[in-house]
Amino acid sequence: MNIRKIFGKRNEIIGGHFNELRAKIGMANQDEEAIFSLREEICNACPLKNGNNCNAMKWMSPETLEVADAPKDHFIRGCGCRLSAKQRSKLSLCPAGFWGGEFDRK
């Protein structure tokens, strides 16, 4: 992973944790929370979800939701992220393409 990518991910993580904290102390933006809630629903239905993480030890076909223990053509690997923070990061994208970019349209 190159240094730009590492620092980009850092901003995603910090933003997600900040929005998670705002929600816990009652200062969340309700429009944003609606999007974060939809992201959570999508992740909850994903076969890569393992507790509060996206399982980086599995691969999945975004089209069929088939899960594999090893890489396959057109399969994506779970990102390994802590989902409760990632779902609240405006900059983050689901590696399977199920959500992300909602804040780019505003």
PDB file of N, CA and C in Angstrom:
ATOM      1  N   MET A   1       0.860  -1.176   0.000  1.00  0.00           N
ATOM      2  CA  MET A   1       0.000   0.000   0.000  1.00  0.00           C
ATOM      3  C   MET A   1       0.901   1.232   0.000  1.00  0.00           C
ATOM      4  N   ASN A   2       0.628   2.194  -0.886  1.00  0.00           N
ATOM      5  CA  ASN A   2       1.487   3.375  -0.944  1.00  0.00           C
ATOM      6  C   ASN A   2       1.081   4.411   0.110  1.00  0.00           C
ATOM      7  N   ILE A   3       1.956   5.375   0.319  1.00  0.00           N
ATOM      8  CA  ILE A   3       1.768   6.350   1.397  1.00  0.00           C
ATOM      9  C   ILE A   3       0.517   7.203   1.196  1.00  0.00           C
ATOM     10  N   ARG A   4       0.195   7.569  -0.034  1.00  0.00           N
ATOM     11  CA  ARG A   4      -1.025   8.352  -0.301  1.00  0.00           C
ATOM     12  C   ARG A   4      -2.270   7.583   0.102  1.00  0.00           C
ATOM     13  N   LYS A   5      -2.262   6.305  -0.229  1.00  0.00           N
ATOM     14  CA  LYS A   5      -3.419   5.481   0.103  1.00  0.00           C
ATOM     15  C   LYS A   5      -3.567   5.343   1.621  1.00  0.00           C
ATOM     16  N   ILE A   6      -2.452   5.195   2.304  1.00  0.00           N
ATOM     17  CA  ILE A   6      -2.490   5.079   3.767  1.00  0.00           C
ATOM     18  C   ILE A   6      -3.087   6.346   4.377  1.00  0.00           C
ATOM     19  N   PHE A   7      -2.627   7.518   3.937  1.00  0.00           N
ATOM     20  CA  PHE A   7      -3.149   8.764   4.498  1.00  0.00           C
ATOM     21  C   PHE A   7      -4.595   8.997   4.086  1.00  0.00           C
ATOM     22  N   GLY A   8      -4.981   8.574   2.902  1.00  0.00           N
ATOM     23  CA  GLY A   8      -6.382   8.677   2.486  1.00  0.00           C
ATOM     24  C   GLY A   8      -7.278   7.841   3.377  1.00  0.00           C
ATOM     25  N   LYS A   9      -6.841   6.636   3.674  1.00  0.00           N
ATOM     26  CA  LYS A   9      -7.599   5.754   4.565  1.00  0.00           C
ATOM     27  C   LYS A   9      -7.677   6.344   5.963  1.00  0.00           C
ATOM     28  N   ARG A  10      -6.608   6.996   6.401  1.00  0.00           N
ATOM     29  CA  ARG A  10      -6.607   7.626   7.718  1.00  0.00           C
ATOM     30  C   ARG A  10      -7.739   8.644   7.823  1.00  0.00           C
ATOM     31  N   ASN A  11      -7.924   9.454   6.784  1.00  0.00           N
ATOM     32  CA  ASN A  11      -8.998  10.448   6.790  1.00  0.00           C
ATOM     33  C   ASN A  11     -10.372   9.789   6.808  1.00  0.00           C
ATOM     34  N   GLU A  12     -10.519   8.688   6.097  1.00  0.00           N
ATOM     35  CA  GLU A  12     -11.780   7.954   6.129  1.00  0.00           C
ATOM     36  C   GLU A  12     -12.074   7.466   7.547  1.00  0.00           C
ATOM     37  N   ILE A  13     -11.078   6.863   8.161  1.00  0.00           N
ATOM     38  CA  ILE A  13     -11.247   6.296   9.500  1.00  0.00           C
ATOM     39  C   ILE A  13     -11.582   7.387  10.514  1.00  0.00           C
ATOM     40  N   ILE A  14     -10.834   8.469  10.490  1.00  0.00           N
ATOM     41  CA  ILE A  14     -11.080   9.572  11.425  1.00  0.00           C
ATOM     42  C   ILE A  14     -12.480  10.143  11.231  1.00  0.00           C
ATOM     43  N   GLY A  15     -12.885  10.344   9.981  1.00  0.00           N
ATOM     44  CA  GLY A  15     -14.224  10.869   9.695  1.00  0.00           C
ATOM     45  C   GLY A  15     -15.323   9.942  10.191  1.00  0.00           C
ATOM     46  N   GLY A  16     -15.128   8.646  10.005  1.00  0.00           N
ATOM     47  CA  GLY A  16     -16.111   7.677  10.469  1.00  0.00           C
ATOM     48  C   GLY A  16     -16.232   7.672  11.983  1.00  0.00           C
ATOM     49  N   HIS A  17     -15.088   7.705  12.670  1.00  0.00           N
ATOM     50  CA  HIS A  17     -15.111   7.730  14.138  1.00  0.00           C
ATOM     51  C   HIS A  17     -15.714   9.034  14.655  1.00  0.00           C
ATOM     52  N   PHE A  18     -15.421  10.138  14.001  1.00  0.00           N
ATOM     53  CA  PHE A  18     -15.988  11.424  14.403  1.00  0.00           C
ATOM     54  C   PHE A  18     -17.518  11.394  14.277  1.00  0.00           C
ATOM     55  N   ASN A  19     -18.029  10.887  13.161  1.00  0.00           N
ATOM     56  CA  ASN A  19     -19.481  10.807  12.975  1.00  0.00           C
ATOM     57  C   ASN A  19     -20.124   9.808  13.931  1.00  0.00           C
ATOM     58  N   GLU A  20     -19.395   8.748  14.265  1.00  0.00           N
ATOM     59  CA  GLU A  20     -19.879   7.780  15.248  1.00  0.00           C
ATOM     60  C   GLU A  20     -20.015   8.465  16.619  1.00  0.00           C
ATOM     61  N   LEU A  21     -19.020   9.262  16.993  1.00  0.00           N
ATOM     62  CA  LEU A  21     -19.058   9.999  18.258  1.00  0.00           C
ATOM     63  C   LEU A  21     -20.196  11.026  18.259  1.00  0.00           C
ATOM     64  N   ARG A  22     -20.362  11.773  17.165  1.00  0.00           N
ATOM     65  CA  ARG A  22     -21.452  12.750  17.089  1.00  0.00           C
ATOM     66  C   ARG A  22     -22.805  12.080  17.315  1.00  0.00           C
ATOM     67  N   ALA A  23     -22.996  10.889  16.763  1.00  0.00           N
ATOM     68  CA  ALA A  23     -24.259  10.169  16.952  1.00  0.00           C
ATOM     69  C   ALA A  23     -24.450   9.779  18.417  1.00  0.00           C
ATOM     70  N   LYS A  24     -23.383   9.341  19.057  1.00  0.00           N
ATOM     71  CA  LYS A  24     -23.476   8.898  20.461  1.00  0.00           C
ATOM     72  C   LYS A  24     -23.802  10.042  21.419  1.00  0.00           C
ATOM     73  N   ILE A  25     -23.356  11.255  21.100  1.00  0.00           N
ATOM     74  CA  ILE A  25     -23.609  12.382  22.000  1.00  0.00           C
ATOM     75  C   ILE A  25     -24.797  13.229  21.540  1.00  0.00           C
ATOM     76  N   GLY A  26     -25.551  12.745  20.564  1.00  0.00           N
ATOM     77  CA  GLY A  26     -26.774  13.421  20.140  1.00  0.00           C
ATOM     78  C   GLY A  26     -26.573  14.635  19.250  1.00  0.00           C
ATOM     79  N   MET A  27     -25.451  14.704  18.557  1.00  0.00           N
ATOM     80  CA  MET A  27     -25.184  15.847  17.685  1.00  0.00           C
ATOM     81  C   MET A  27     -25.101  15.455  16.216  1.00  0.00           C
ATOM     82  N   ALA A  28     -25.700  14.329  15.874  1.00  0.00           N
ATOM     83  CA  ALA A  28     -25.622  13.830  14.503  1.00  0.00           C
ATOM     84  C   ALA A  28     -26.514  14.626  13.562  1.00  0.00           C
ATOM     85  N   ASN A  29     -26.073  14.728  12.323  1.00  0.00           N
ATOM     86  CA  ASN A  29     -26.875  15.305  11.253  1.00  0.00           C
ATOM     87  C   ASN A  29     -27.863  14.229  10.807  1.00  0.00           C
ATOM     88  N   GLN A  30     -29.143  14.493  10.910  1.00  0.00           N
ATOM     89  CA  GLN A  30     -30.162  13.473  10.648  1.00  0.00           C
ATOM     90  C   GLN A  30     -30.200  13.028   9.185  1.00  0.00           C
ATOM     91  N   ASP A  31     -29.907  13.924   8.260  1.00  0.00           N
ATOM     92  CA  ASP A  31     -29.847  13.530   6.845  1.00  0.00           C
ATOM     93  C   ASP A  31     -28.706  12.534   6.619  1.00  0.00           C
ATOM     94  N   GLU A  32     -27.556  12.820   7.224  1.00  0.00           N
ATOM     95  CA  GLU A  32     -26.423  11.905   7.126  1.00  0.00           C
ATOM     96  C   GLU A  32     -26.730  10.588   7.822  1.00  0.00           C
ATOM     97  N   GLU A  33     -27.366  10.652   8.976  1.00  0.00           N
ATOM     98  CA  GLU A  33     -27.696   9.432   9.724  1.00  0.00           C
ATOM     99  C   GLU A  33     -28.615   8.508   8.924  1.00  0.00           C
ATOM    100  N   ALA A  34     -29.492   9.080   8.126  1.00  0.00           N
ATOM    101  CA  ALA A  34     -30.376   8.257   7.282  1.00  0.00           C
ATOM    102  C   ALA A  34     -29.548   7.447   6.284  1.00  0.00           C
ATOM    103  N   ILE A  35     -28.537   8.076   5.720  1.00  0.00           N
ATOM    104  CA  ILE A  35     -27.652   7.369   4.781  1.00  0.00           C
ATOM    105  C   ILE A  35     -26.825   6.326   5.523  1.00  0.00           C
ATOM    106  N   PHE A  36     -26.281   6.695   6.681  1.00  0.00           N
ATOM    107  CA  PHE A  36     -25.484   5.753   7.458  1.00  0.00           C
ATOM    108  C   PHE A  36     -26.321   4.541   7.875  1.00  0.00           C
ATOM    109  N   SER A  37     -27.578   4.777   8.200  1.00  0.00           N
ATOM    110  CA  SER A  37     -28.471   3.690   8.594  1.00  0.00           C
ATOM    111  C   SER A  37     -28.728   2.737   7.425  1.00  0.00           C
ATOM    112  N   LEU A  38     -28.900   3.294   6.241  1.00  0.00           N
ATOM    113  CA  LEU A  38     -29.096   2.454   5.050  1.00  0.00           C
ATOM    114  C   LEU A  38     -27.845   1.630   4.781  1.00  0.00           C
ATOM    115  N   ARG A  39     -26.681   2.238   4.931  1.00  0.00           N
ATOM    116  CA  ARG A  39     -25.425   1.496   4.764  1.00  0.00           C
ATOM    117  C   ARG A  39     -25.360   0.331   5.752  1.00  0.00           C
ATOM    118  N   GLU A  40     -25.757   0.586   6.993  1.00  0.00           N
ATOM    119  CA  GLU A  40     -25.735  -0.464   8.014  1.00  0.00           C
ATOM    120  C   GLU A  40     -26.651  -1.625   7.620  1.00  0.00           C
ATOM    121  N   GLU A  41     -27.835  -1.312   7.118  1.00  0.00           N
ATOM    122  CA  GLU A  41     -28.762  -2.363   6.671  1.00  0.00           C
ATOM    123  C   GLU A  41     -28.143  -3.203   5.562  1.00  0.00           C
ATOM    124  N   ILE A  42     -27.477  -2.542   4.625  1.00  0.00           N
ATOM    125  CA  ILE A  42     -26.841  -3.254   3.511  1.00  0.00           C
ATOM    126  C   ILE A  42     -25.744  -4.172   4.042  1.00  0.00           C
ATOM    127  N   CYS A  43     -24.903  -3.655   4.933  1.00  0.00           N
ATOM    128  CA  CYS A  43     -23.832  -4.482   5.508  1.00  0.00           C
ATOM    129  C   CYS A  43     -24.387  -5.646   6.322  1.00  0.00           C
ATOM    130  N   ASN A  44     -25.469  -5.411   7.043  1.00  0.00           N
ATOM    131  CA  ASN A  44     -26.061  -6.477   7.849  1.00  0.00           C
ATOM    132  C   ASN A  44     -26.538  -7.639   6.993  1.00  0.00           C
ATOM    133  N   ALA A  45     -26.898  -7.374   5.736  1.00  0.00           N
ATOM    134  CA  ALA A  45     -27.369  -8.424   4.835  1.00  0.00           C
ATOM    135  C   ALA A  45     -26.228  -9.065   4.031  1.00  0.00           C
ATOM    136  N   CYS A  46     -25.025  -8.547   4.172  1.00  0.00           N
ATOM    137  CA  CYS A  46     -23.888  -9.024   3.379  1.00  0.00           C
ATOM    138  C   CYS A  46     -23.277 -10.280   3.995  1.00  0.00           C
ATOM    139  N   PRO A  47     -22.994 -11.282   3.175  1.00  0.00           N
ATOM    140  CA  PRO A  47     -22.393 -12.500   3.714  1.00  0.00           C
ATOM    141  C   PRO A  47     -20.947 -12.327   4.193  1.00  0.00           C
ATOM    142  N   LEU A  48     -20.300 -11.205   3.878  1.00  0.00           N
ATOM    143  CA  LEU A  48     -18.940 -10.967   4.357  1.00  0.00           C
ATOM    144  C   LEU A  48     -18.910 -10.376   5.768  1.00  0.00           C
ATOM    145  N   LYS A  49     -20.064  -9.949   6.262  1.00  0.00           N
ATOM    146  CA  LYS A  49     -20.106  -9.351   7.598  1.00  0.00           C
ATOM    147  C   LYS A  49     -19.811 -10.427   8.634  1.00  0.00           C
ATOM    148  N   ASN A  50     -18.860 -10.105   9.525  1.00  0.00           N
ATOM    149  CA  ASN A  50     -18.462 -11.014  10.586  1.00  0.00           C
ATOM    150  C   ASN A  50     -18.395 -10.200  11.868  1.00  0.00           C
ATOM    151  N   GLY A  51     -19.458 -10.224  12.661  1.00  0.00           N
ATOM    152  CA  GLY A  51     -19.535  -9.364  13.834  1.00  0.00           C
ATOM    153  C   GLY A  51     -19.649  -7.918  13.387  1.00  0.00           C
ATOM    154  N   ASN A  52     -18.701  -7.090  13.787  1.00  0.00           N
ATOM    155  CA  ASN A  52     -18.689  -5.682  13.393  1.00  0.00           C
ATOM    156  C   ASN A  52     -17.621  -5.416  12.336  1.00  0.00           C
ATOM    157  N   ASN A  53     -17.183  -6.466  11.645  1.00  0.00           N
ATOM    158  CA  ASN A  53     -16.125  -6.327  10.647  1.00  0.00           C
ATOM    159  C   ASN A  53     -16.555  -6.917   9.307  1.00  0.00           C
ATOM    160  N   CYS A  54     -15.899  -6.421   8.265  1.00  0.00           N
ATOM    161  CA  CYS A  54     -16.025  -7.000   6.930  1.00  0.00           C
ATOM    162  C   CYS A  54     -14.882  -8.008   6.810  1.00  0.00           C
ATOM    163  N   ASN A  55     -15.193  -9.266   6.641  1.00  0.00           N
ATOM    164  CA  ASN A  55     -14.234 -10.363   6.730  1.00  0.00           C
ATOM    165  C   ASN A  55     -13.196 -10.316   5.604  1.00  0.00           C
ATOM    166  N   ALA A  56     -11.968  -9.946   5.959  1.00  0.00           N
ATOM    167  CA  ALA A  56     -10.884  -9.854   4.985  1.00  0.00           C
ATOM    168  C   ALA A  56     -10.287 -11.214   4.625  1.00  0.00           C
ATOM    169  N   MET A  57     -10.795 -12.272   5.235  1.00  0.00           N
ATOM    170  CA  MET A  57     -10.311 -13.621   4.939  1.00  0.00           C
ATOM    171  C   MET A  57     -11.211 -14.343   3.939  1.00  0.00           C
ATOM    172  N   LYS A  58     -12.221 -13.612   3.420  1.00  0.00           N
ATOM    173  CA  LYS A  58     -13.180 -14.201   2.475  1.00  0.00           C
ATOM    174  C   LYS A  58     -13.281 -13.325   1.227  1.00  0.00           C
ATOM    175  N   TRP A  59     -13.719 -13.937   0.148  1.00  0.00           N
ATOM    176  CA  TRP A  59     -13.989 -13.252  -1.110  1.00  0.00           C
ATOM    177  C   TRP A  59     -15.441 -13.505  -1.473  1.00  0.00           C
ATOM    178  N   MET A  60     -16.056 -12.550  -2.197  1.00  0.00           N
ATOM    179  CA  MET A  60     -17.473 -12.678  -2.528  1.00  0.00           C
ATOM    180  C   MET A  60     -17.732 -12.155  -3.937  1.00  0.00           C
ATOM    181  N   SER A  61     -18.670 -12.786  -4.600  1.00  0.00           N
ATOM    182  CA  SER A  61     -19.155 -12.281  -5.875  1.00  0.00           C
ATOM    183  C   SER A  61     -20.246 -11.252  -5.578  1.00  0.00           C
ATOM    184  N   PRO A  62     -20.050  -9.979  -5.958  1.00  0.00           N
ATOM    185  CA  PRO A  62     -21.087  -8.974  -5.717  1.00  0.00           C
ATOM    186  C   PRO A  62     -22.393  -9.263  -6.456  1.00  0.00           C
ATOM    187  N   GLU A  63     -22.310 -10.041  -7.514  1.00  0.00           N
ATOM    188  CA  GLU A  63     -23.519 -10.340  -8.295  1.00  0.00           C
ATOM    189  C   GLU A  63     -24.333 -11.479  -7.719  1.00  0.00           C
ATOM    190  N   THR A  64     -23.667 -12.532  -7.249  1.00  0.00           N
ATOM    191  CA  THR A  64     -24.392 -13.716  -6.772  1.00  0.00           C
ATOM    192  C   THR A  64     -24.365 -13.862  -5.250  1.00  0.00           C
ATOM    193  N   LEU A  65     -23.490 -13.093  -4.582  1.00  0.00           N
ATOM    194  CA  LEU A  65     -23.254 -13.174  -3.137  1.00  0.00           C
ATOM    195  C   LEU A  65     -22.613 -14.494  -2.721  1.00  0.00           C
ATOM    196  N   GLU A  66     -22.084 -15.247  -3.692  1.00  0.00           N
ATOM    197  CA  GLU A  66     -21.345 -16.471  -3.380  1.00  0.00           C
ATOM    198  C   GLU A  66     -20.070 -16.084  -2.644  1.00  0.00           C
ATOM    199  N   VAL A  67     -19.733 -16.827  -1.617  1.00  0.00           N
ATOM    200  CA  VAL A  67     -18.546 -16.557  -0.811  1.00  0.00           C
ATOM    201  C   VAL A  67     -17.523 -17.670  -1.038  1.00  0.00           C
ATOM    202  N   ALA A  68     -16.249 -17.272  -1.100  1.00  0.00           N
ATOM    203  CA  ALA A  68     -15.160 -18.235  -1.290  1.00  0.00           C
ATOM    204  C   ALA A  68     -14.055 -17.966  -0.276  1.00  0.00           C
ATOM    205  N   ASP A  69     -13.277 -19.005  -0.009  1.00  0.00           N
ATOM    206  CA  ASP A  69     -12.150 -18.891   0.921  1.00  0.00           C
ATOM    207  C   ASP A  69     -10.858 -18.472   0.223  1.00  0.00           C
ATOM    208  N   ALA A  70     -10.896 -18.378  -1.108  1.00  0.00           N
ATOM    209  CA  ALA A  70      -9.720 -17.995  -1.894  1.00  0.00           C
ATOM    210  C   ALA A  70     -10.173 -17.098  -3.044  1.00  0.00           C
ATOM    211  N   PRO A  71      -9.247 -16.335  -3.610  1.00  0.00           N
ATOM    212  CA  PRO A  71      -9.621 -15.446  -4.716  1.00  0.00           C
ATOM    213  C   PRO A  71     -10.205 -16.212  -5.901  1.00  0.00           C
ATOM    214  N   LYS A  72     -11.167 -15.589  -6.565  1.00  0.00           N
ATOM    215  CA  LYS A  72     -11.773 -16.116  -7.784  1.00  0.00           C
ATOM    216  C   LYS A  72     -12.014 -14.937  -8.712  1.00  0.00           C
ATOM    217  N   ASP A  73     -12.149 -15.213 -10.005  1.00  0.00           N
ATOM    218  CA  ASP A  73     -12.451 -14.153 -10.968  1.00  0.00           C
ATOM    219  C   ASP A  73     -13.738 -13.441 -10.581  1.00  0.00           C
ATOM    220  N   HIS A  74     -13.695 -12.121 -10.621  1.00  0.00           N
ATOM    221  CA  HIS A  74     -14.845 -11.250 -10.367  1.00  0.00           C
ATOM    222  C   HIS A  74     -15.326 -11.284  -8.912  1.00  0.00           C
ATOM    223  N   PHE A  75     -14.530 -11.820  -8.017  1.00  0.00           N
ATOM    224  CA  PHE A  75     -14.849 -11.806  -6.597  1.00  0.00           C
ATOM    225  C   PHE A  75     -14.060 -10.667  -5.953  1.00  0.00           C
ATOM    226  N   ILE A  76     -14.602 -10.067  -4.924  1.00  0.00           N
ATOM    227  CA  ILE A  76     -13.896  -9.026  -4.180  1.00  0.00           C
ATOM    228  C   ILE A  76     -13.560  -9.572  -2.796  1.00  0.00           C
ATOM    229  N   ARG A  77     -12.515  -9.032  -2.238  1.00  0.00           N
ATOM    230  CA  ARG A  77     -12.109  -9.451  -0.898  1.00  0.00           C
ATOM    231  C   ARG A  77     -12.746  -8.516   0.118  1.00  0.00           C
ATOM    232  N   GLY A  78     -13.174  -9.050   1.249  1.00  0.00           N
ATOM    233  CA  GLY A  78     -13.672  -8.219   2.338  1.00  0.00           C
ATOM    234  C   GLY A  78     -12.593  -7.236   2.759  1.00  0.00           C
ATOM    235  N   CYS A  79     -12.991  -6.051   3.158  1.00  0.00           N
ATOM    236  CA  CYS A  79     -12.013  -4.993   3.437  1.00  0.00           C
ATOM    237  C   CYS A  79     -11.371  -5.106   4.812  1.00  0.00           C
ATOM    238  N   GLY A  80     -11.988  -5.817   5.740  1.00  0.00           N
ATOM    239  CA  GLY A  80     -11.429  -5.953   7.073  1.00  0.00           C
ATOM    240  C   GLY A  80     -11.744  -4.792   8.009  1.00  0.00           C
ATOM    241  N   CYS A  81     -12.516  -3.840   7.533  1.00  0.00           N
ATOM    242  CA  CYS A  81     -12.806  -2.640   8.326  1.00  0.00           C
ATOM    243  C   CYS A  81     -13.798  -2.901   9.457  1.00  0.00           C
ATOM    244  N   ARG A  82     -13.702  -2.061  10.469  1.00  0.00           N
ATOM    245  CA  ARG A  82     -14.690  -2.013  11.546  1.00  0.00           C
ATOM    246  C   ARG A  82     -15.898  -1.276  10.970  1.00  0.00           C
ATOM    247  N   LEU A  83     -16.981  -1.973  10.776  1.00  0.00           N
ATOM    248  CA  LEU A  83     -18.104  -1.454  10.004  1.00  0.00           C
ATOM    249  C   LEU A  83     -18.828  -0.286  10.657  1.00  0.00           C
ATOM    250  N   SER A  84     -18.950  -0.275  11.967  1.00  0.00           N
ATOM    251  CA  SER A  84     -19.704   0.817  12.588  1.00  0.00           C
ATOM    252  C   SER A  84     -19.050   2.169  12.324  1.00  0.00           C
ATOM    253  N   ALA A  85     -17.741   2.201  12.132  1.00  0.00           N
ATOM    254  CA  ALA A  85     -17.064   3.453  11.773  1.00  0.00           C
ATOM    255  C   ALA A  85     -17.068   3.660  10.264  1.00  0.00           C
ATOM    256  N   LYS A  86     -16.785   2.624   9.488  1.00  0.00           N
ATOM    257  CA  LYS A  86     -16.712   2.773   8.035  1.00  0.00           C
ATOM    258  C   LYS A  86     -18.048   3.230   7.455  1.00  0.00           C
ATOM    259  N   GLN A  87     -19.132   2.690   7.967  1.00  0.00           N
ATOM    260  CA  GLN A  87     -20.456   3.069   7.470  1.00  0.00           C
ATOM    261  C   GLN A  87     -20.744   4.546   7.693  1.00  0.00           C
ATOM    262  N   ARG A  88     -20.084   5.155   8.657  1.00  0.00           N
ATOM    263  CA  ARG A  88     -20.308   6.565   8.983  1.00  0.00           C
ATOM    264  C   ARG A  88     -19.251   7.489   8.380  1.00  0.00           C
ATOM    265  N   SER A  89     -18.405   6.962   7.543  1.00  0.00           N
ATOM    266  CA  SER A  89     -17.405   7.779   6.862  1.00  0.00           C
ATOM    267  C   SER A  89     -17.966   8.213   5.513  1.00  0.00           C
ATOM    268  N   LYS A  90     -18.055   9.510   5.318  1.00  0.00           N
ATOM    269  CA  LYS A  90     -18.574  10.030   4.053  1.00  0.00           C
ATOM    270  C   LYS A  90     -17.676   9.671   2.876  1.00  0.00           C
ATOM    271  N   LEU A  91     -16.403   9.429   3.127  1.00  0.00           N
ATOM    272  CA  LEU A  91     -15.443   9.163   2.060  1.00  0.00           C
ATOM    273  C   LEU A  91     -15.330   7.684   1.702  1.00  0.00           C
ATOM    274  N   SER A  92     -15.854   6.804   2.537  1.00  0.00           N
ATOM    275  CA  SER A  92     -15.659   5.373   2.348  1.00  0.00           C
ATOM    276  C   SER A  92     -16.590   4.790   1.298  1.00  0.00           C
ATOM    277  N   LEU A  93     -16.123   3.683   0.731  1.00  0.00           N
ATOM    278  CA  LEU A  93     -16.888   2.927  -0.261  1.00  0.00           C
ATOM    279  C   LEU A  93     -16.914   1.460   0.141  1.00  0.00           C
ATOM    280  N   CYS A  94     -18.013   0.807  -0.086  1.00  0.00           N
ATOM    281  CA  CYS A  94     -18.080  -0.642   0.090  1.00  0.00           C
ATOM    282  C   CYS A  94     -17.233  -1.267  -1.015  1.00  0.00           C
ATOM    283  N   PRO A  95     -16.343  -2.214  -0.686  1.00  0.00           N
ATOM    284  CA  PRO A  95     -15.508  -2.812  -1.727  1.00  0.00           C
ATOM    285  C   PRO A  95     -16.312  -3.576  -2.779  1.00  0.00           C
ATOM    286  N   ALA A  96     -17.513  -4.012  -2.426  1.00  0.00           N
ATOM    287  CA  ALA A  96     -18.361  -4.723  -3.391  1.00  0.00           C
ATOM    288  C   ALA A  96     -19.220  -3.762  -4.213  1.00  0.00           C
ATOM    289  N   GLY A  97     -19.150  -2.470  -3.889  1.00  0.00           N
ATOM    290  CA  GLY A  97     -19.921  -1.476  -4.642  1.00  0.00           C
ATOM    291  C   GLY A  97     -21.369  -1.350  -4.204  1.00  0.00           C
ATOM    292  N   PHE A  98     -21.714  -1.866  -3.030  1.00  0.00           N
ATOM    293  CA  PHE A  98     -23.099  -1.819  -2.568  1.00  0.00           C
ATOM    294  C   PHE A  98     -23.495  -0.449  -2.036  1.00  0.00           C
ATOM    295  N   TRP A  99     -22.527   0.336  -1.597  1.00  0.00           N
ATOM    296  CA  TRP A  99     -22.806   1.700  -1.145  1.00  0.00           C
ATOM    297  C   TRP A  99     -21.536   2.534  -1.245  1.00  0.00           C
ATOM    298  N   GLY A 100     -21.734   3.834  -1.164  1.00  0.00           N
ATOM    299  CA  GLY A 100     -20.624   4.783  -1.225  1.00  0.00           C
ATOM    300  C   GLY A 100     -20.856   5.815  -2.304  1.00  0.00           C
ATOM    301  N   GLY A 101     -20.299   6.974  -2.131  1.00  0.00           N
ATOM    302  CA  GLY A 101     -20.447   8.051  -3.099  1.00  0.00           C
ATOM    303  C   GLY A 101     -21.730   8.862  -2.937  1.00  0.00           C
ATOM    304  N   GLU A 102     -22.529   8.555  -1.914  1.00  0.00           N
ATOM    305  CA  GLU A 102     -23.789   9.263  -1.723  1.00  0.00           C
ATOM    306  C   GLU A 102     -23.569  10.751  -1.444  1.00  0.00           C
ATOM    307  N   PHE A 103     -22.452  11.085  -0.836  1.00  0.00           N
ATOM    308  CA  PHE A 103     -22.180  12.465  -0.468  1.00  0.00           C
ATOM    309  C   PHE A 103     -21.519  13.250  -1.596  1.00  0.00           C
ATOM    310  N   ASP A 104     -21.108  12.567  -2.656  1.00  0.00           N
ATOM    311  CA  ASP A 104     -20.527  13.227  -3.819  1.00  0.00           C
ATOM    312  C   ASP A 104     -21.578  13.991  -4.610  1.00  0.00           C
ATOM    313  N   ARG A 105     -22.827  13.593  -4.480  1.00  0.00           N
ATOM    314  CA  ARG A 105     -23.925  14.171  -5.274  1.00  0.00           C
ATOM    315  C   ARG A 105     -24.439  15.461  -4.722  1.00  0.00           C
ATOM    316  N   LYS A 106     -24.009  15.866  -3.544  1.00  0.00           N
ATOM    317  CA  LYS A 106     -24.563  17.062  -2.913  1.00  0.00           C
ATOM    318  C   LYS A 106     -23.760  18.277  -3.260  1.00  0.00           C
TER     319      LYS A 106
END
